Amino acid sequence: MKDYMIRGTGLEGKVRAFAVCTTAITDELSRRHQATPTVTAALGRTAAAGLMMGAMLKGEEKLTIQVQGGGPIGQIIVDTNAYGEVRGYVSNPTVDLPLNAHGKLDVAGAVGTDGALYIIKDLGLKEPYRGSTPIISGELAEDFTYYFSVSEQTPSAVALGVLVDVDYSVKAAGGFIIQLMPGLTDEELTAIEQRLPQLPSMTTMLEQGLTLEEILTEVLPSFRVLETKDVIFKCKCSRERVEESLISIGKQELQLLLDEDQKAEVQCHFCNEIYAFTGEEIQSIIDKL
């Protein structure tokens, strides 16, 4: 199944829902950062959540997720927008922990539970919106559920999953968000609450070949798709932007760099792309200042 995302409603608009398949995106993130399976799972879950939260934005609005749980993985950073584009990285992609007590990847052990989840939204205003909630489990789905409930006052159910194969490739990845809107009756709420625990994991359903539409219909028999869009890994870095960052360090620092190294290499955190500048190119930048 190719990577894509859907947005829709159920129960006559009293529930809104998002679902995303991110298998190829998560595999690319894993390969670019040479991540261990545990880190791949943590970064992939966060990227899936970010894409669905990006679908809640409009136009040129952007969103950044920072997960700082105090664990050995360090911080997780994911950038996304309303166009279905995502990029991300972790401080320490080589963290490798034993399986947890359930025989699963120990994402909570890598992320940690002593910290916070931060959401920064660039809505085109003078100051970005910033929200944060404590990390309550480190497994991330529960942490995003808690964020929506506490910071945005929107009762939500979040499911996130990444299945890594024995060769470290990603077999399945994705997630869904179910959000309860005003007007839901007690009976309708109870029906949803009873269905959710009975569902197989997100990765099991994807591996079984269920479409996102079929997955959300499992939760909401009345689900109706409003939008379908492709989602992709996309980094904003470019040689031009890197050159701008070199200019920003100033003529004196550039001259020092030229005198000492005769070259410069700048690596993007998000995609690991390396931009190399020769001594002649650095001199040319200095000459422009």
C-alpha atoms as a PDB file:
ATOM      1  CA  MET A   1       0.000   0.000   0.000  1.00  0.00           C
ATOM      2  CA  LYS A   2       1.338   3.422  -0.923  1.00  0.00           C
ATOM      3  CA  ASP A   3       1.598   6.161   1.691  1.00  0.00           C
ATOM      4  CA  TYR A   4      -1.518   8.307   1.933  1.00  0.00           C
ATOM      5  CA  MET A   5      -3.835   9.971   4.441  1.00  0.00           C
ATOM      6  CA  ILE A   6      -7.587  10.363   4.786  1.00  0.00           C
ATOM      7  CA  ARG A   7      -9.745  12.772   6.752  1.00  0.00           C
ATOM      8  CA  GLY A   8     -13.440  12.367   7.408  1.00  0.00           C
ATOM      9  CA  THR A   9     -16.353  12.334   9.825  1.00  0.00           C
ATOM     10  CA  GLY A  10     -18.745   9.921  11.443  1.00  0.00           C
ATOM     11  CA  LEU A  11     -22.008   9.968  13.363  1.00  0.00           C
ATOM     12  CA  GLU A  12     -23.311  12.964  11.411  1.00  0.00           C
ATOM     13  CA  GLY A  13     -20.285  15.119  12.129  1.00  0.00           C
ATOM     14  CA  LYS A  14     -20.117  14.389  15.847  1.00  0.00           C
ATOM     15  CA  VAL A  15     -16.806  12.560  15.355  1.00  0.00           C
ATOM     16  CA  ARG A  16     -13.921  13.555  13.120  1.00  0.00           C
ATOM     17  CA  ALA A  17     -11.234  11.086  12.148  1.00  0.00           C
ATOM     18  CA  PHE A  18      -7.841  10.954  10.472  1.00  0.00           C
ATOM     19  CA  ALA A  19      -5.804   7.950   9.349  1.00  0.00           C
ATOM     20  CA  VAL A  20      -2.430   7.706   7.660  1.00  0.00           C
ATOM     21  CA  CYS A  21      -0.195   5.036   6.141  1.00  0.00           C
ATOM     22  CA  THR A  22       3.479   5.997   6.461  1.00  0.00           C
ATOM     23  CA  THR A  23       5.346   2.765   5.669  1.00  0.00           C
ATOM     24  CA  ALA A  24       7.585   4.228   2.939  1.00  0.00           C
ATOM     25  CA  ILE A  25       8.148   7.498   4.827  1.00  0.00           C
ATOM     26  CA  THR A  26       9.167   5.668   8.000  1.00  0.00           C
ATOM     27  CA  ASP A  27      11.483   3.395   6.039  1.00  0.00           C
ATOM     28  CA  GLU A  28      13.142   6.438   4.459  1.00  0.00           C
ATOM     29  CA  LEU A  29      13.546   8.149   7.834  1.00  0.00           C
ATOM     30  CA  SER A  30      15.088   4.974   9.203  1.00  0.00           C
ATOM     31  CA  ARG A  31      17.534   4.621   6.314  1.00  0.00           C
ATOM     32  CA  ARG A  32      18.539   8.281   6.251  1.00  0.00           C
ATOM     33  CA  HIS A  33      19.352   8.279   9.954  1.00  0.00           C
ATOM     34  CA  GLN A  34      20.634   4.684  10.096  1.00  0.00           C
ATOM     35  CA  ALA A  35      18.269   4.205  13.012  1.00  0.00           C
ATOM     36  CA  THR A  36      17.872   1.117  15.147  1.00  0.00           C
ATOM     37  CA  PRO A  37      14.443  -0.569  15.123  1.00  0.00           C
ATOM     38  CA  THR A  38      13.511   1.041  18.453  1.00  0.00           C
ATOM     39  CA  VAL A  39      14.394   4.514  17.205  1.00  0.00           C
ATOM     40  CA  THR A  40      12.639   3.826  13.901  1.00  0.00           C
ATOM     41  CA  ALA A  41       9.473   2.971  15.842  1.00  0.00           C
ATOM     42  CA  ALA A  42       9.674   6.131  17.973  1.00  0.00           C
ATOM     43  CA  LEU A  43      10.427   8.455  15.052  1.00  0.00           C
ATOM     44  CA  GLY A  44       7.878   6.750  12.792  1.00  0.00           C
ATOM     45  CA  ARG A  45       5.105   7.032  15.373  1.00  0.00           C
ATOM     46  CA  THR A  46       5.846  10.721  15.870  1.00  0.00           C
ATOM     47  CA  ALA A  47       5.928  11.360  12.112  1.00  0.00           C
ATOM     48  CA  ALA A  48       2.540   9.660  11.664  1.00  0.00           C
ATOM     49  CA  ALA A  49       1.044  11.770  14.449  1.00  0.00           C
ATOM     50  CA  GLY A  50       2.598  14.878  12.926  1.00  0.00           C
ATOM     51  CA  LEU A  51       1.115  14.251   9.491  1.00  0.00           C
ATOM     52  CA  MET A  52      -2.382  13.832  10.931  1.00  0.00           C
ATOM     53  CA  MET A  53      -1.981  16.961  13.039  1.00  0.00           C
ATOM     54  CA  GLY A  54      -0.753  18.737   9.916  1.00  0.00           C
ATOM     55  CA  ALA A  55      -4.035  17.797   8.250  1.00  0.00           C
ATOM     56  CA  MET A  56      -5.754  19.904  10.918  1.00  0.00           C
ATOM     57  CA  LEU A  57      -3.897  22.994   9.638  1.00  0.00           C
ATOM     58  CA  LYS A  58      -4.731  25.282   6.718  1.00  0.00           C
ATOM     59  CA  GLY A  59      -2.775  26.836   3.861  1.00  0.00           C
ATOM     60  CA  GLU A  60       0.790  27.733   4.754  1.00  0.00           C
ATOM     61  CA  GLU A  61       0.479  26.855   8.435  1.00  0.00           C
ATOM     62  CA  LYS A  62       3.231  24.628   9.838  1.00  0.00           C
ATOM     63  CA  LEU A  63       3.726  22.474  12.895  1.00  0.00           C
ATOM     64  CA  THR A  64       6.712  21.209  14.859  1.00  0.00           C
ATOM     65  CA  ILE A  65       6.599  18.383  17.397  1.00  0.00           C
ATOM     66  CA  GLN A  66       9.284  18.094  20.060  1.00  0.00           C
ATOM     67  CA  VAL A  67       9.351  14.985  22.250  1.00  0.00           C
ATOM     68  CA  GLN A  68      11.692  15.411  25.204  1.00  0.00           C
ATOM     69  CA  GLY A  69      11.132  12.460  27.506  1.00  0.00           C
ATOM     70  CA  GLY A  70      14.529  12.318  29.184  1.00  0.00           C
ATOM     71  CA  GLY A  71      15.381   8.904  27.717  1.00  0.00           C
ATOM     72  CA  PRO A  72      18.552   7.834  25.866  1.00  0.00           C
ATOM     73  CA  ILE A  73      17.047   8.672  22.470  1.00  0.00           C
ATOM     74  CA  GLY A  74      17.345  12.364  23.376  1.00  0.00           C
ATOM     75  CA  GLN A  75      14.776  14.550  21.676  1.00  0.00           C
ATOM     76  CA  ILE A  76      12.581  13.705  18.710  1.00  0.00           C
ATOM     77  CA  ILE A  77      11.857  16.550  16.285  1.00  0.00           C
ATOM     78  CA  VAL A  78       9.236  16.315  13.530  1.00  0.00           C
ATOM     79  CA  ASP A  79       8.231  19.109  11.135  1.00  0.00           C
ATOM     80  CA  THR A  80       5.064  18.907   9.072  1.00  0.00           C
ATOM     81  CA  ASN A  81       2.517  21.080   7.286  1.00  0.00           C
ATOM     82  CA  ALA A  82      -0.936  21.123   5.707  1.00  0.00           C
ATOM     83  CA  TYR A  83       0.398  19.690   2.423  1.00  0.00           C
ATOM     84  CA  GLY A  84       1.195  16.228   3.780  1.00  0.00           C
ATOM     85  CA  GLU A  85       4.960  16.803   3.936  1.00  0.00           C
ATOM     86  CA  VAL A  86       7.038  15.598   6.878  1.00  0.00           C
ATOM     87  CA  ARG A  87      10.648  15.393   8.009  1.00  0.00           C
ATOM     88  CA  GLY A  88      12.208  14.455  11.333  1.00  0.00           C
ATOM     89  CA  TYR A  89      15.221  13.322  13.325  1.00  0.00           C
ATOM     90  CA  VAL A  90      16.293  12.155  16.778  1.00  0.00           C
ATOM     91  CA  SER A  91      19.297  13.177  18.842  1.00  0.00           C
ATOM     92  CA  ASN A  92      20.639   9.634  19.155  1.00  0.00           C
ATOM     93  CA  PRO A  93      19.527   7.278  16.361  1.00  0.00           C
ATOM     94  CA  THR A  94      21.771   4.414  17.557  1.00  0.00           C
ATOM     95  CA  VAL A  95      19.921   3.680  20.819  1.00  0.00           C
ATOM     96  CA  ASP A  96      19.223  -0.038  20.987  1.00  0.00           C
ATOM     97  CA  LEU A  97      17.402  -1.513  23.980  1.00  0.00           C
ATOM     98  CA  PRO A  98      16.289  -5.073  24.785  1.00  0.00           C
ATOM     99  CA  LEU A  99      12.660  -5.924  24.070  1.00  0.00           C
ATOM    100  CA  ASN A 100      10.225  -4.890  26.796  1.00  0.00           C
ATOM    101  CA  ALA A 101       8.264  -7.244  29.077  1.00  0.00           C
ATOM    102  CA  HIS A 102       5.680  -7.786  26.321  1.00  0.00           C
ATOM    103  CA  GLY A 103       8.312  -8.798  23.771  1.00  0.00           C
ATOM    104  CA  LYS A 104       7.897  -5.528  21.885  1.00  0.00           C
ATOM    105  CA  LEU A 105      10.337  -2.756  20.950  1.00  0.00           C
ATOM    106  CA  ASP A 106      10.972  -0.709  24.083  1.00  0.00           C
ATOM    107  CA  VAL A 107       9.927   2.683  22.721  1.00  0.00           C
ATOM    108  CA  ALA A 108       9.008   3.980  26.184  1.00  0.00           C
ATOM    109  CA  GLY A 109      12.442   3.021  27.502  1.00  0.00           C
ATOM    110  CA  ALA A 110      14.126   4.897  24.668  1.00  0.00           C
ATOM    111  CA  VAL A 111      11.882   7.973  24.820  1.00  0.00           C
ATOM    112  CA  GLY A 112      11.676   8.177  28.621  1.00  0.00           C
ATOM    113  CA  THR A 113       8.851   9.376  30.827  1.00  0.00           C
ATOM    114  CA  ASP A 114      10.518  12.332  32.529  1.00  0.00           C
ATOM    115  CA  GLY A 115       9.773  15.254  30.264  1.00  0.00           C
ATOM    116  CA  ALA A 116       7.189  16.791  27.990  1.00  0.00           C
ATOM    117  CA  LEU A 117       5.585  16.756  24.559  1.00  0.00           C
ATOM    118  CA  TYR A 118       5.740  20.172  22.881  1.00  0.00           C
ATOM    119  CA  ILE A 119       3.620  21.282  19.921  1.00  0.00           C
ATOM    120  CA  ILE A 120       4.573  24.504  18.122  1.00  0.00           C
ATOM    121  CA  LYS A 121       2.158  25.756  15.445  1.00  0.00           C
ATOM    122  CA  ASP A 122       3.134  28.520  13.021  1.00  0.00           C
ATOM    123  CA  LEU A 123      -0.275  29.921  12.133  1.00  0.00           C
ATOM    124  CA  GLY A 124       1.055  33.007  10.367  1.00  0.00           C
ATOM    125  CA  LEU A 125       0.593  35.209  13.433  1.00  0.00           C
ATOM    126  CA  LYS A 126       3.221  37.304  15.211  1.00  0.00           C
ATOM    127  CA  GLU A 127       3.957  34.554  17.705  1.00  0.00           C
ATOM    128  CA  PRO A 128       3.590  30.794  17.158  1.00  0.00           C
ATOM    129  CA  TYR A 129       1.131  28.821  19.265  1.00  0.00           C
ATOM    130  CA  ARG A 130       2.899  26.659  21.836  1.00  0.00           C
ATOM    131  CA  GLY A 131       1.304  23.842  23.770  1.00  0.00           C
ATOM    132  CA  SER A 132       2.854  21.215  26.016  1.00  0.00           C
ATOM    133  CA  THR A 133       1.872  18.338  28.248  1.00  0.00           C
ATOM    134  CA  PRO A 134       3.917  15.919  30.365  1.00  0.00           C
ATOM    135  CA  ILE A 135       5.018  12.620  28.865  1.00  0.00           C
ATOM    136  CA  ILE A 136       2.777  10.065  30.569  1.00  0.00           C
ATOM    137  CA  SER A 137       3.824   6.770  28.976  1.00  0.00           C
ATOM    138  CA  GLY A 138       6.637   7.271  26.464  1.00  0.00           C
ATOM    139  CA  GLU A 139       4.823   4.968  24.024  1.00  0.00           C
ATOM    140  CA  LEU A 140       3.704   8.193  22.266  1.00  0.00           C
ATOM    141  CA  ALA A 141       0.127   7.291  21.229  1.00  0.00           C
ATOM    142  CA  GLU A 142      -1.015   7.751  24.829  1.00  0.00           C
ATOM    143  CA  ASP A 143       1.052  10.920  25.068  1.00  0.00           C
ATOM    144  CA  PHE A 144      -0.643  12.476  22.043  1.00  0.00           C
ATOM    145  CA  THR A 145      -4.040  11.369  23.380  1.00  0.00           C
ATOM    146  CA  TYR A 146      -3.246  13.170  26.624  1.00  0.00           C
ATOM    147  CA  TYR A 147      -2.051  16.262  24.743  1.00  0.00           C
ATOM    148  CA  PHE A 148      -5.302  16.580  22.783  1.00  0.00           C
ATOM    149  CA  SER A 149      -7.389  16.130  25.916  1.00  0.00           C
ATOM    150  CA  VAL A 150      -5.490  18.542  28.148  1.00  0.00           C
ATOM    151  CA  SER A 151      -3.930  21.142  25.849  1.00  0.00           C
ATOM    152  CA  GLU A 152      -6.590  21.349  23.132  1.00  0.00           C
ATOM    153  CA  GLN A 153      -9.595  20.186  25.194  1.00  0.00           C
ATOM    154  CA  THR A 154     -10.532  17.692  22.473  1.00  0.00           C
ATOM    155  CA  PRO A 155     -11.208  14.155  23.726  1.00  0.00           C
ATOM    156  CA  SER A 156      -9.326  11.901  21.309  1.00  0.00           C
ATOM    157  CA  ALA A 157      -8.156   8.365  20.732  1.00  0.00           C
ATOM    158  CA  VAL A 158      -4.748   8.056  19.068  1.00  0.00           C
ATOM    159  CA  ALA A 159      -3.292   4.843  17.640  1.00  0.00           C
ATOM    160  CA  LEU A 160       0.247   4.761  16.237  1.00  0.00           C
ATOM    161  CA  GLY A 161       2.352   1.844  15.066  1.00  0.00           C
ATOM    162  CA  VAL A 162       5.558   0.840  13.295  1.00  0.00           C
ATOM    163  CA  LEU A 163       6.426  -2.759  12.402  1.00  0.00           C
ATOM    164  CA  VAL A 164      10.121  -3.314  11.659  1.00  0.00           C
ATOM    165  CA  ASP A 165      11.255  -6.437   9.777  1.00  0.00           C
ATOM    166  CA  VAL A 166      14.285  -8.580  10.674  1.00  0.00           C
ATOM    167  CA  ASP A 167      16.350  -6.788   8.015  1.00  0.00           C
ATOM    168  CA  TYR A 168      15.471  -3.426   9.664  1.00  0.00           C
ATOM    169  CA  SER A 169      13.179  -2.440   6.787  1.00  0.00           C
ATOM    170  CA  VAL A 170       9.733  -1.137   7.721  1.00  0.00           C
ATOM    171  CA  LYS A 171       6.908  -3.585   6.974  1.00  0.00           C
ATOM    172  CA  ALA A 172       4.045  -1.330   8.066  1.00  0.00           C
ATOM    173  CA  ALA A 173       3.586   2.055   9.719  1.00  0.00           C
ATOM    174  CA  GLY A 174       0.762   4.484  10.313  1.00  0.00           C
ATOM    175  CA  GLY A 175      -1.900   5.586  12.736  1.00  0.00           C
ATOM    176  CA  PHE A 176      -5.312   7.084  13.309  1.00  0.00           C
ATOM    177  CA  ILE A 177      -6.850   9.842  15.416  1.00  0.00           C
ATOM    178  CA  ILE A 178     -10.506   9.785  16.445  1.00  0.00           C
ATOM    179  CA  GLN A 179     -11.775  13.060  17.914  1.00  0.00           C
ATOM    180  CA  LEU A 180     -15.089  13.502  19.703  1.00  0.00           C
ATOM    181  CA  MET A 181     -17.058  16.635  18.887  1.00  0.00           C
ATOM    182  CA  PRO A 182     -19.916  18.216  20.893  1.00  0.00           C
ATOM    183  CA  GLY A 183     -23.310  16.549  20.639  1.00  0.00           C
ATOM    184  CA  LEU A 184     -22.211  12.937  21.004  1.00  0.00           C
ATOM    185  CA  THR A 185     -24.721  10.904  23.021  1.00  0.00           C
ATOM    186  CA  ASP A 186     -23.721   8.596  25.857  1.00  0.00           C
ATOM    187  CA  GLU A 187     -24.757   5.591  23.753  1.00  0.00           C
ATOM    188  CA  GLU A 188     -22.633   6.682  20.800  1.00  0.00           C
ATOM    189  CA  LEU A 189     -19.649   7.350  23.048  1.00  0.00           C
ATOM    190  CA  THR A 190     -20.016   3.952  24.710  1.00  0.00           C
ATOM    191  CA  ALA A 191     -20.154   2.227  21.328  1.00  0.00           C
ATOM    192  CA  ILE A 192     -16.870   3.851  20.256  1.00  0.00           C
ATOM    193  CA  GLU A 193     -15.213   3.084  23.591  1.00  0.00           C
ATOM    194  CA  GLN A 194     -16.201  -0.559  23.277  1.00  0.00           C
ATOM    195  CA  ARG A 195     -14.929  -0.904  19.696  1.00  0.00           C
ATOM    196  CA  LEU A 196     -11.487   0.623  20.195  1.00  0.00           C
ATOM    197  CA  PRO A 197      -9.993  -2.030  22.534  1.00  0.00           C
ATOM    198  CA  GLN A 198     -11.255  -4.802  20.261  1.00  0.00           C
ATOM    199  CA  LEU A 199      -9.302  -3.554  17.247  1.00  0.00           C
ATOM    200  CA  PRO A 200      -6.056  -5.280  16.218  1.00  0.00           C
ATOM    201  CA  SER A 201      -2.993  -3.033  16.273  1.00  0.00           C
ATOM    202  CA  MET A 202      -2.630  -0.443  13.509  1.00  0.00           C
ATOM    203  CA  THR A 203       0.310  -2.311  11.964  1.00  0.00           C
ATOM    204  CA  THR A 204      -1.572  -5.634  12.073  1.00  0.00           C
ATOM    205  CA  MET A 205      -4.461  -4.118  10.144  1.00  0.00           C
ATOM    206  CA  LEU A 206      -2.130  -2.522   7.602  1.00  0.00           C
ATOM    207  CA  GLU A 207      -0.154  -5.752   7.198  1.00  0.00           C
ATOM    208  CA  GLN A 208      -3.425  -7.614   6.625  1.00  0.00           C
ATOM    209  CA  GLY A 209      -4.075  -5.292   3.696  1.00  0.00           C
ATOM    210  CA  LEU A 210      -6.860  -3.185   5.177  1.00  0.00           C
ATOM    211  CA  THR A 211      -7.198   0.246   3.614  1.00  0.00           C
ATOM    212  CA  LEU A 212      -7.363   3.332   5.808  1.00  0.00           C
ATOM    213  CA  GLU A 213     -11.034   3.654   4.914  1.00  0.00           C
ATOM    214  CA  GLU A 214     -11.671   0.096   6.127  1.00  0.00           C
ATOM    215  CA  ILE A 215      -9.717   0.694   9.327  1.00  0.00           C
ATOM    216  CA  LEU A 216     -11.732   3.774  10.270  1.00  0.00           C
ATOM    217  CA  THR A 217     -14.977   2.041   9.359  1.00  0.00           C
ATOM    218  CA  GLU A 218     -14.028  -0.626  11.924  1.00  0.00           C
ATOM    219  CA  VAL A 219     -14.197   2.129  14.553  1.00  0.00           C
ATOM    220  CA  LEU A 220     -16.966   4.218  13.001  1.00  0.00           C
ATOM    221  CA  PRO A 221     -19.402   2.238  10.840  1.00  0.00           C
ATOM    222  CA  SER A 222     -20.838   5.602   9.740  1.00  0.00           C
ATOM    223  CA  PHE A 223     -17.428   6.945   8.642  1.00  0.00           C
ATOM    224  CA  ARG A 224     -17.441   9.155   5.534  1.00  0.00           C
ATOM    225  CA  VAL A 225     -14.267  10.286   3.718  1.00  0.00           C
ATOM    226  CA  LEU A 226     -13.965  14.029   3.145  1.00  0.00           C
ATOM    227  CA  GLU A 227     -10.412  14.184   1.802  1.00  0.00           C
ATOM    228  CA  THR A 228      -7.678  11.851   0.563  1.00  0.00           C
ATOM    229  CA  LYS A 229      -4.125  13.085   0.010  1.00  0.00           C
ATOM    230  CA  ASP A 230      -0.645  11.732  -0.621  1.00  0.00           C
ATOM    231  CA  VAL A 231       1.944  12.137   2.128  1.00  0.00           C
ATOM    232  CA  ILE A 232       5.693  12.307   1.552  1.00  0.00           C
ATOM    233  CA  PHE A 233       9.036  12.802   3.243  1.00  0.00           C
ATOM    234  CA  LYS A 234      10.296  16.228   2.202  1.00  0.00           C
ATOM    235  CA  CYS A 235      13.172  18.229   3.611  1.00  0.00           C
ATOM    236  CA  LYS A 236      13.397  21.994   3.246  1.00  0.00           C
ATOM    237  CA  CYS A 237      17.173  22.126   3.088  1.00  0.00           C
ATOM    238  CA  SER A 238      19.004  23.250  -0.043  1.00  0.00           C
ATOM    239  CA  ARG A 239      22.459  24.465  -1.009  1.00  0.00           C
ATOM    240  CA  GLU A 240      21.106  28.004  -1.173  1.00  0.00           C
ATOM    241  CA  ARG A 241      19.797  27.809   2.397  1.00  0.00           C
ATOM    242  CA  VAL A 242      23.075  26.369   3.642  1.00  0.00           C
ATOM    243  CA  GLU A 243      24.947  29.205   1.932  1.00  0.00           C
ATOM    244  CA  GLU A 244      22.656  31.670   3.707  1.00  0.00           C
ATOM    245  CA  SER A 245      23.531  30.049   7.026  1.00  0.00           C
ATOM    246  CA  LEU A 246      27.233  30.377   6.239  1.00  0.00           C
ATOM    247  CA  ILE A 247      26.740  34.056   5.434  1.00  0.00           C
ATOM    248  CA  SER A 248      24.976  34.508   8.755  1.00  0.00           C
ATOM    249  CA  ILE A 249      28.037  33.470  10.782  1.00  0.00           C
ATOM    250  CA  GLY A 250      29.873  36.571   9.515  1.00  0.00           C
ATOM    251  CA  LYS A 251      32.995  37.452   7.564  1.00  0.00           C
ATOM    252  CA  GLN A 252      35.419  36.935  10.449  1.00  0.00           C
ATOM    253  CA  GLU A 253      34.233  33.404  11.253  1.00  0.00           C
ATOM    254  CA  LEU A 254      34.195  32.462   7.571  1.00  0.00           C
ATOM    255  CA  GLN A 255      37.777  33.689   7.163  1.00  0.00           C
ATOM    256  CA  LEU A 256      38.823  31.638  10.189  1.00  0.00           C
ATOM    257  CA  LEU A 257      37.121  28.594   8.692  1.00  0.00           C
ATOM    258  CA  LEU A 258      38.899  29.168   5.389  1.00  0.00           C
ATOM    259  CA  ASP A 259      42.308  29.630   7.039  1.00  0.00           C
ATOM    260  CA  GLU A 260      42.002  26.522   9.203  1.00  0.00           C
ATOM    261  CA  ASP A 261      40.146  24.001   7.022  1.00  0.00           C
ATOM    262  CA  GLN A 262      40.160  25.321   3.458  1.00  0.00           C
ATOM    263  CA  LYS A 263      36.664  23.873   3.095  1.00  0.00           C
ATOM    264  CA  ALA A 264      33.325  23.482   4.845  1.00  0.00           C
ATOM    265  CA  GLU A 265      30.851  20.639   5.185  1.00  0.00           C
ATOM    266  CA  VAL A 266      27.361  21.235   6.551  1.00  0.00           C
ATOM    267  CA  GLN A 267      25.056  18.316   7.313  1.00  0.00           C
ATOM    268  CA  CYS A 268      21.278  18.701   7.582  1.00  0.00           C
ATOM    269  CA  HIS A 269      19.860  17.238  10.808  1.00  0.00           C
ATOM    270  CA  PHE A 270      16.588  16.277   9.152  1.00  0.00           C
ATOM    271  CA  CYS A 271      17.772  14.399   6.047  1.00  0.00           C
ATOM    272  CA  ASN A 272      21.525  13.867   6.670  1.00  0.00           C
ATOM    273  CA  GLU A 273      22.335  15.461   3.308  1.00  0.00           C
ATOM    274  CA  ILE A 274      25.901  16.860   3.298  1.00  0.00           C
ATOM    275  CA  TYR A 275      26.641  20.136   1.521  1.00  0.00           C
ATOM    276  CA  ALA A 276      30.333  20.620   0.744  1.00  0.00           C
ATOM    277  CA  PHE A 277      31.935  24.001  -0.011  1.00  0.00           C
ATOM    278  CA  THR A 278      35.470  24.318  -1.391  1.00  0.00           C
ATOM    279  CA  GLY A 279      37.924  26.962  -0.276  1.00  0.00           C
ATOM    280  CA  GLU A 280      37.249  28.893  -3.473  1.00  0.00           C
ATOM    281  CA  GLU A 281      33.504  28.856  -2.783  1.00  0.00           C
ATOM    282  CA  ILE A 282      34.028  30.067   0.783  1.00  0.00           C
ATOM    283  CA  GLN A 283      36.273  32.854  -0.500  1.00  0.00           C
ATOM    284  CA  SER A 284      33.571  33.826  -2.962  1.00  0.00           C
ATOM    285  CA  ILE A 285      31.058  34.092  -0.112  1.00  0.00           C
ATOM    286  CA  ILE A 286      33.498  36.233   1.890  1.00  0.00           C
ATOM    287  CA  ASP A 287      34.012  38.510  -1.082  1.00  0.00           C
ATOM    288  CA  LYS A 288      30.288  39.199  -1.228  1.00  0.00           C
ATOM    289  CA  LEU A 289      30.169  40.399   2.400  1.00  0.00           C
END
